[in-house]
């Protein structure tokens, strides 16, 4: 069971990491503004890290388990404030979040077969905070011995 679960997590990391890296390369070429290029370069490094972690996890490496834990932790927070915005997902996500304005509400969002990366020093008009439940469950599963 552990092996099957680790392989599934690894496959999602590989697919999302590869798809995300290609997406970030497309944002890098042709070069745009310095801020856009820096964001795309950071995204490329993050997706590359997740891709390597997934490959090592599928191979059954103990180093792959450690790197995949970190990869899942990077995908855990969802932060959107007027000052800062961060979100990362590789392969799939199940996000639960709450808005932080006059009438707070809970939200649930999910998608399979996707990637996404947002890093900005200015955020959206409605602020929200959340977590990627699938990343949390994957991180907990990777702690199984």
N, C-alpha and C. Protein backbone atom coordinates (compact mmCIF):
# COMPACT_ATOMS: atom_id res chain seq x y z
N UNK A 1 0.82 -1.19 0.00
CA UNK A 1 0.00 0.00 0.00
C UNK A 1 0.86 1.26 0.00
N UNK A 2 1.90 1.25 0.85
CA UNK A 2 2.81 2.39 0.93
C UNK A 2 3.48 2.64 -0.41
N UNK A 3 3.94 1.60 -1.06
CA UNK A 3 4.62 1.74 -2.34
C UNK A 3 3.68 2.31 -3.40
N UNK A 4 2.46 1.83 -3.44
CA UNK A 4 1.49 2.33 -4.41
C UNK A 4 1.19 3.81 -4.17
N UNK A 5 1.00 4.18 -2.91
CA UNK A 5 0.71 5.57 -2.56
C UNK A 5 1.89 6.48 -2.91
N UNK A 6 3.11 6.03 -2.61
CA UNK A 6 4.29 6.82 -2.93
C UNK A 6 4.45 6.96 -4.44
N UNK A 7 4.17 5.91 -5.19
CA UNK A 7 4.27 5.99 -6.65
C UNK A 7 3.24 6.96 -7.23
N UNK A 8 2.04 6.95 -6.68
CA UNK A 8 1.00 7.88 -7.14
C UNK A 8 1.42 9.32 -6.87
N UNK A 9 1.93 9.59 -5.68
CA UNK A 9 2.41 10.93 -5.35
C UNK A 9 3.56 11.31 -6.29
N UNK A 10 4.47 10.39 -6.51
CA UNK A 10 5.61 10.65 -7.41
C UNK A 10 5.18 10.93 -8.84
N UNK A 11 4.22 10.17 -9.34
CA UNK A 11 3.72 10.39 -10.70
C UNK A 11 3.08 11.76 -10.83
N UNK A 12 2.29 12.16 -9.84
CA UNK A 12 1.69 13.50 -9.86
C UNK A 12 2.75 14.59 -9.78
N UNK A 13 3.79 14.36 -8.99
CA UNK A 13 4.88 15.33 -8.91
C UNK A 13 5.63 15.43 -10.24
N UNK A 14 5.88 14.29 -10.86
CA UNK A 14 6.58 14.29 -12.16
C UNK A 14 5.75 15.02 -13.21
N UNK A 15 4.48 14.67 -13.31
CA UNK A 15 3.62 15.28 -14.32
C UNK A 15 3.47 16.78 -14.08
N UNK A 16 3.15 17.16 -12.86
CA UNK A 16 2.97 18.58 -12.55
C UNK A 16 4.27 19.36 -12.65
N UNK A 17 5.38 18.75 -12.21
CA UNK A 17 6.68 19.42 -12.30
C UNK A 17 7.11 19.64 -13.73
N UNK A 18 6.91 18.62 -14.59
CA UNK A 18 7.28 18.76 -16.00
C UNK A 18 6.40 19.78 -16.70
N UNK A 19 5.11 19.69 -16.49
CA UNK A 19 4.16 20.62 -17.10
C UNK A 19 4.44 22.04 -16.62
N UNK A 20 4.72 22.22 -15.34
CA UNK A 20 5.01 23.53 -14.78
C UNK A 20 6.33 24.08 -15.30
N UNK A 21 7.36 23.24 -15.41
CA UNK A 21 8.65 23.69 -15.92
C UNK A 21 8.53 24.18 -17.36
N UNK A 22 7.78 23.44 -18.18
CA UNK A 22 7.57 23.85 -19.57
C UNK A 22 6.80 25.17 -19.61
N UNK A 23 5.81 25.32 -18.76
CA UNK A 23 5.03 26.55 -18.70
C UNK A 23 5.91 27.74 -18.30
N UNK A 24 6.80 27.52 -17.34
CA UNK A 24 7.69 28.60 -16.91
C UNK A 24 8.71 28.94 -18.00
N UNK A 25 9.18 27.94 -18.75
CA UNK A 25 10.09 28.20 -19.87
C UNK A 25 9.40 29.06 -20.93
N UNK A 26 8.12 28.78 -21.17
CA UNK A 26 7.37 29.59 -22.14
C UNK A 26 7.23 31.02 -21.65
N UNK A 27 7.13 31.22 -20.33
CA UNK A 27 7.05 32.58 -19.78
C UNK A 27 8.39 33.30 -19.84
N UNK A 28 9.49 32.53 -19.80
CA UNK A 28 10.83 33.12 -19.86
C UNK A 28 11.22 33.54 -21.27
N UNK A 29 10.74 32.81 -22.26
CA UNK A 29 11.12 33.06 -23.65
C UNK A 29 9.93 33.52 -24.45
N UNK A 30 9.93 34.65 -25.10
CA UNK A 30 10.98 35.65 -25.13
C UNK A 30 11.00 36.44 -23.83
N UNK A 31 12.15 37.01 -23.50
CA UNK A 31 12.26 37.75 -22.24
C UNK A 31 11.28 38.93 -22.18
N UNK A 32 10.67 39.08 -21.03
CA UNK A 32 9.75 40.19 -20.80
C UNK A 32 10.33 41.14 -19.78
N UNK A 33 9.48 41.64 -18.91
CA UNK A 33 9.95 42.54 -17.86
C UNK A 33 10.83 41.77 -16.88
N UNK A 34 11.64 42.49 -16.13
CA UNK A 34 12.53 41.86 -15.16
C UNK A 34 11.73 41.12 -14.08
N UNK A 35 10.62 41.71 -13.64
CA UNK A 35 9.80 41.09 -12.60
C UNK A 35 9.17 39.80 -13.11
N UNK A 36 8.64 39.82 -14.32
CA UNK A 36 8.03 38.62 -14.91
C UNK A 36 9.07 37.53 -15.12
N UNK A 37 10.26 37.91 -15.57
CA UNK A 37 11.33 36.94 -15.79
C UNK A 37 11.80 36.32 -14.48
N UNK A 38 11.91 37.14 -13.44
CA UNK A 38 12.33 36.63 -12.13
C UNK A 38 11.29 35.67 -11.56
N UNK A 39 10.03 36.02 -11.68
CA UNK A 39 8.95 35.14 -11.21
C UNK A 39 8.97 33.81 -11.98
N UNK A 40 9.16 33.88 -13.29
CA UNK A 40 9.21 32.67 -14.11
C UNK A 40 10.43 31.82 -13.76
N UNK A 41 11.56 32.45 -13.47
CA UNK A 41 12.76 31.71 -13.10
C UNK A 41 12.58 31.01 -11.75
N UNK A 42 11.98 31.70 -10.79
CA UNK A 42 11.69 31.08 -9.48
C UNK A 42 10.73 29.91 -9.68
N UNK A 43 9.70 30.11 -10.50
CA UNK A 43 8.76 29.02 -10.81
C UNK A 43 9.45 27.84 -11.46
N UNK A 44 10.36 28.11 -12.40
CA UNK A 44 11.10 27.04 -13.06
C UNK A 44 11.92 26.24 -12.06
N UNK A 45 12.57 26.93 -11.13
CA UNK A 45 13.34 26.23 -10.09
C UNK A 45 12.44 25.38 -9.19
N UNK A 46 11.29 25.94 -8.79
CA UNK A 46 10.37 25.17 -7.93
C UNK A 46 9.82 23.94 -8.66
N UNK A 47 9.37 24.12 -9.90
CA UNK A 47 8.83 22.99 -10.65
C UNK A 47 9.92 21.96 -10.94
N UNK A 48 11.14 22.42 -11.21
CA UNK A 48 12.26 21.49 -11.41
C UNK A 48 12.54 20.69 -10.15
N UNK A 49 12.48 21.34 -9.00
CA UNK A 49 12.67 20.66 -7.72
C UNK A 49 11.60 19.58 -7.52
N UNK A 50 10.35 19.92 -7.79
CA UNK A 50 9.25 18.96 -7.63
C UNK A 50 9.42 17.80 -8.61
N UNK A 51 9.85 18.09 -9.83
CA UNK A 51 10.08 17.04 -10.83
C UNK A 51 11.16 16.06 -10.36
N UNK A 52 12.27 16.58 -9.88
CA UNK A 52 13.36 15.72 -9.38
C UNK A 52 12.88 14.91 -8.17
N UNK A 53 12.15 15.54 -7.27
CA UNK A 53 11.63 14.84 -6.09
C UNK A 53 10.72 13.69 -6.52
N UNK A 54 9.87 13.93 -7.52
CA UNK A 54 8.97 12.88 -8.00
C UNK A 54 9.71 11.72 -8.63
N UNK A 55 10.73 12.01 -9.43
CA UNK A 55 11.52 10.95 -10.06
C UNK A 55 12.20 10.10 -8.99
N UNK A 56 12.82 10.76 -8.01
CA UNK A 56 13.49 10.01 -6.95
C UNK A 56 12.49 9.21 -6.11
N UNK A 57 11.30 9.74 -5.91
CA UNK A 57 10.29 9.02 -5.13
C UNK A 57 9.82 7.77 -5.88
N UNK A 58 9.59 7.89 -7.17
CA UNK A 58 9.16 6.73 -7.97
C UNK A 58 10.25 5.66 -8.00
N UNK A 59 11.52 6.09 -8.00
CA UNK A 59 12.64 5.14 -7.97
C UNK A 59 12.74 4.41 -6.63
N UNK A 60 12.07 4.92 -5.61
CA UNK A 60 12.11 4.29 -4.30
C UNK A 60 13.23 4.79 -3.42
N UNK A 61 13.84 5.90 -3.77
CA UNK A 61 14.95 6.46 -3.01
C UNK A 61 14.44 7.11 -1.72
N UNK A 62 15.20 6.93 -0.65
CA UNK A 62 14.86 7.59 0.61
C UNK A 62 15.03 9.10 0.48
N UNK A 63 15.97 9.52 -0.32
CA UNK A 63 16.14 10.96 -0.61
C UNK A 63 14.91 11.51 -1.32
N UNK A 64 14.30 10.69 -2.16
CA UNK A 64 13.08 11.09 -2.85
C UNK A 64 11.94 11.35 -1.88
N UNK A 65 11.85 10.54 -0.83
CA UNK A 65 10.82 10.74 0.20
C UNK A 65 11.04 12.08 0.90
N UNK A 66 12.28 12.36 1.26
CA UNK A 66 12.60 13.62 1.94
C UNK A 66 12.30 14.82 1.05
N UNK A 67 12.75 14.77 -0.20
CA UNK A 67 12.51 15.88 -1.12
C UNK A 67 11.03 16.04 -1.43
N UNK A 68 10.31 14.93 -1.51
CA UNK A 68 8.87 15.01 -1.79
C UNK A 68 8.11 15.61 -0.61
N UNK A 69 8.57 15.36 0.60
CA UNK A 69 7.96 16.02 1.76
C UNK A 69 8.08 17.53 1.62
N UNK A 70 9.28 17.99 1.25
CA UNK A 70 9.48 19.42 1.06
C UNK A 70 8.64 19.94 -0.10
N UNK A 71 8.54 19.16 -1.15
CA UNK A 71 7.73 19.57 -2.31
C UNK A 71 6.27 19.72 -1.91
N UNK A 72 5.78 18.84 -1.06
CA UNK A 72 4.39 18.94 -0.61
C UNK A 72 4.20 20.14 0.32
N UNK A 73 5.18 20.42 1.16
CA UNK A 73 5.09 21.59 2.04
C UNK A 73 5.06 22.89 1.24
N UNK A 74 5.79 22.94 0.13
CA UNK A 74 5.77 24.12 -0.73
C UNK A 74 4.39 24.35 -1.35
N UNK A 75 3.63 23.26 -1.53
CA UNK A 75 2.31 23.35 -2.14
C UNK A 75 1.20 23.57 -1.12
N UNK A 76 1.52 23.54 0.13
CA UNK A 76 0.52 23.61 1.19
C UNK A 76 -0.15 24.97 1.34
N UNK A 77 0.58 26.08 1.48
CA UNK A 77 -0.09 27.36 1.77
C UNK A 77 -0.69 28.04 0.54
N UNK A 78 -1.79 28.71 0.77
CA UNK A 78 -2.44 29.57 -0.22
C UNK A 78 -2.62 30.92 0.46
N UNK A 79 -1.89 31.91 -0.01
CA UNK A 79 -1.91 33.23 0.62
C UNK A 79 -2.20 34.27 -0.44
N UNK A 80 -3.22 35.07 -0.20
CA UNK A 80 -3.54 36.18 -1.10
C UNK A 80 -3.96 37.37 -0.25
N UNK A 81 -3.08 38.33 -0.14
CA UNK A 81 -3.37 39.57 0.58
C UNK A 81 -3.06 40.73 -0.37
N UNK A 82 -3.46 41.94 -0.02
CA UNK A 82 -3.12 43.06 -0.89
C UNK A 82 -1.61 43.28 -1.04
N UNK A 83 -0.81 42.73 -0.12
CA UNK A 83 0.63 42.93 -0.15
C UNK A 83 1.38 41.75 -0.78
N UNK A 84 0.89 40.52 -0.62
CA UNK A 84 1.63 39.33 -1.04
C UNK A 84 0.67 38.26 -1.52
N UNK A 85 1.07 37.53 -2.56
CA UNK A 85 0.25 36.45 -3.11
C UNK A 85 1.17 35.27 -3.45
N UNK A 86 0.86 34.08 -2.90
CA UNK A 86 1.65 32.87 -3.17
C UNK A 86 0.74 31.67 -3.25
N UNK A 87 0.95 30.87 -4.28
CA UNK A 87 0.28 29.58 -4.42
C UNK A 87 1.09 28.73 -5.38
N UNK A 88 1.17 27.43 -5.12
CA UNK A 88 1.88 26.49 -5.98
C UNK A 88 1.13 25.18 -5.94
N UNK A 89 0.92 24.58 -7.11
CA UNK A 89 0.42 23.20 -7.14
C UNK A 89 0.99 22.49 -8.35
N UNK A 90 1.25 21.21 -8.18
CA UNK A 90 1.86 20.38 -9.21
C UNK A 90 1.05 19.09 -9.36
N UNK A 91 0.41 18.91 -10.49
CA UNK A 91 -0.32 17.67 -10.75
C UNK A 91 -1.79 17.77 -10.44
N UNK A 92 -2.12 18.09 -9.21
CA UNK A 92 -3.51 18.18 -8.80
C UNK A 92 -3.61 18.96 -7.49
N UNK A 93 -4.80 19.43 -7.18
CA UNK A 93 -4.99 20.13 -5.91
C UNK A 93 -6.42 20.00 -5.43
N UNK A 94 -6.56 20.15 -4.12
CA UNK A 94 -7.86 20.23 -3.45
C UNK A 94 -7.70 21.33 -2.40
N UNK A 95 -8.12 22.53 -2.76
CA UNK A 95 -7.92 23.70 -1.92
C UNK A 95 -9.16 24.03 -1.11
N UNK A 96 -8.95 24.32 0.15
CA UNK A 96 -10.00 24.88 0.99
C UNK A 96 -9.48 26.24 1.45
N UNK A 97 -10.33 27.25 1.34
CA UNK A 97 -9.88 28.61 1.64
C UNK A 97 -11.04 29.43 2.20
N UNK A 98 -10.68 30.55 2.80
CA UNK A 98 -11.67 31.48 3.31
C UNK A 98 -11.29 32.88 2.86
N UNK A 99 -12.30 33.66 2.52
CA UNK A 99 -12.06 35.06 2.17
C UNK A 99 -11.94 35.87 3.45
N UNK A 100 -11.21 36.97 3.38
CA UNK A 100 -10.94 37.77 4.57
C UNK A 100 -11.48 39.18 4.42
N UNK A 101 -12.70 39.31 4.05
CA UNK A 101 -13.28 40.65 3.96
C UNK A 101 -14.59 40.69 4.72
N UNK A 102 -15.41 41.70 4.51
CA UNK A 102 -16.60 41.96 5.32
C UNK A 102 -17.48 40.73 5.55
N UNK A 103 -17.68 39.93 4.52
CA UNK A 103 -18.51 38.73 4.69
C UNK A 103 -17.68 37.49 4.35
N UNK A 104 -16.93 36.99 5.34
CA UNK A 104 -16.07 35.82 5.08
C UNK A 104 -16.90 34.62 4.62
N UNK A 105 -16.33 33.85 3.73
CA UNK A 105 -16.98 32.64 3.26
C UNK A 105 -15.93 31.57 3.02
N UNK A 106 -16.33 30.33 3.19
CA UNK A 106 -15.45 29.21 2.91
C UNK A 106 -15.61 28.80 1.46
N UNK A 107 -14.52 28.35 0.87
CA UNK A 107 -14.56 27.89 -0.51
C UNK A 107 -13.78 26.61 -0.67
N UNK A 108 -14.15 25.82 -1.66
CA UNK A 108 -13.48 24.57 -1.98
C UNK A 108 -13.26 24.55 -3.48
N UNK A 109 -12.05 24.25 -3.90
CA UNK A 109 -11.71 24.23 -5.31
C UNK A 109 -10.80 23.03 -5.57
N UNK A 110 -10.93 22.39 -6.71
CA UNK A 110 -10.09 21.24 -7.03
C UNK A 110 -9.88 21.14 -8.53
N UNK A 111 -8.80 20.47 -8.89
CA UNK A 111 -8.50 20.22 -10.29
C UNK A 111 -7.50 19.08 -10.38
N UNK A 112 -7.62 18.28 -11.39
CA UNK A 112 -6.70 17.17 -11.63
C UNK A 112 -6.00 17.41 -12.95
N UNK A 113 -4.70 17.13 -13.00
CA UNK A 113 -3.93 17.28 -14.23
C UNK A 113 -3.61 18.73 -14.55
N UNK A 114 -3.09 19.45 -13.57
CA UNK A 114 -2.78 20.85 -13.79
C UNK A 114 -1.55 21.25 -13.00
N UNK A 115 -1.12 22.45 -13.24
CA UNK A 115 -0.02 23.05 -12.49
C UNK A 115 -0.33 24.51 -12.33
N UNK A 116 0.24 25.13 -11.32
CA UNK A 116 0.04 26.55 -11.14
C UNK A 116 1.05 27.13 -10.18
N UNK A 117 1.44 28.36 -10.46
CA UNK A 117 2.37 29.06 -9.60
C UNK A 117 2.05 30.54 -9.64
N UNK A 118 1.87 31.12 -8.47
CA UNK A 118 1.63 32.55 -8.35
C UNK A 118 2.56 33.07 -7.27
N UNK A 119 3.32 34.10 -7.60
CA UNK A 119 4.17 34.79 -6.65
C UNK A 119 4.15 36.25 -7.03
N UNK A 120 3.61 37.08 -6.17
CA UNK A 120 3.50 38.51 -6.48
C UNK A 120 3.58 39.33 -5.20
N UNK A 121 4.10 40.52 -5.34
CA UNK A 121 4.15 41.44 -4.21
C UNK A 121 2.90 42.29 -4.11
N UNK A 122 1.97 42.07 -4.98
CA UNK A 122 0.65 42.69 -4.88
C UNK A 122 -0.36 41.59 -5.13
N UNK A 123 -1.41 41.59 -4.38
CA UNK A 123 -2.36 40.50 -4.46
C UNK A 123 -3.68 40.93 -5.05
N UNK A 124 -4.66 40.06 -5.00
CA UNK A 124 -5.98 40.37 -5.53
C UNK A 124 -6.75 41.31 -4.61
N UNK A 125 -7.83 41.87 -5.11
CA UNK A 125 -8.66 42.76 -4.30
C UNK A 125 -9.24 42.03 -3.08
N UNK A 126 -9.93 40.89 -3.26
CA UNK A 126 -10.39 40.17 -2.06
C UNK A 126 -9.27 39.28 -1.51
N UNK A 127 -8.94 39.48 -0.28
CA UNK A 127 -7.90 38.67 0.36
C UNK A 127 -8.47 37.33 0.78
N UNK A 128 -7.64 36.29 0.75
CA UNK A 128 -8.05 34.97 1.20
C UNK A 128 -6.84 34.18 1.67
N UNK A 129 -7.09 33.21 2.51
CA UNK A 129 -6.08 32.29 3.02
C UNK A 129 -6.63 30.88 2.91
N UNK A 130 -5.75 29.93 2.67
CA UNK A 130 -6.21 28.55 2.59
C UNK A 130 -5.06 27.57 2.59
N UNK A 131 -5.43 26.31 2.44
CA UNK A 131 -4.43 25.24 2.34
C UNK A 131 -4.84 24.28 1.24
N UNK A 132 -3.84 23.62 0.70
CA UNK A 132 -4.06 22.57 -0.28
C UNK A 132 -4.18 21.26 0.51
N UNK A 133 -5.41 20.77 0.66
CA UNK A 133 -5.64 19.56 1.46
C UNK A 133 -4.94 18.34 0.88
N UNK A 134 -4.85 18.26 -0.43
CA UNK A 134 -4.18 17.11 -1.06
C UNK A 134 -2.68 17.13 -0.74
N UNK A 135 -2.07 18.31 -0.73
CA UNK A 135 -0.66 18.41 -0.35
C UNK A 135 -0.47 18.02 1.11
N UNK A 136 -1.41 18.43 1.97
CA UNK A 136 -1.33 18.05 3.39
C UNK A 136 -1.44 16.54 3.56
N UNK A 137 -2.40 15.93 2.88
CA UNK A 137 -2.56 14.47 2.96
C UNK A 137 -1.35 13.75 2.39
N UNK A 138 -0.80 14.26 1.29
CA UNK A 138 0.40 13.65 0.70
C UNK A 138 1.59 13.76 1.64
N UNK A 139 1.74 14.93 2.27
CA UNK A 139 2.84 15.11 3.22
C UNK A 139 2.70 14.13 4.38
N UNK A 140 1.47 13.97 4.89
CA UNK A 140 1.25 13.01 5.98
C UNK A 140 1.53 11.58 5.53
N UNK A 141 1.12 11.24 4.31
CA UNK A 141 1.36 9.89 3.79
C UNK A 141 2.86 9.63 3.63
N UNK A 142 3.62 10.65 3.23
CA UNK A 142 5.06 10.49 3.06
C UNK A 142 5.77 10.30 4.40
N UNK A 143 5.10 10.61 5.48
CA UNK A 143 5.68 10.40 6.80
C UNK A 143 5.44 8.97 7.29
N UNK A 144 4.65 8.18 6.56
CA UNK A 144 4.43 6.79 6.92
C UNK A 144 5.72 6.00 6.84
N UNK A 145 5.89 5.10 7.73
CA UNK A 145 7.09 4.23 7.70
C UNK A 145 6.68 2.82 7.56
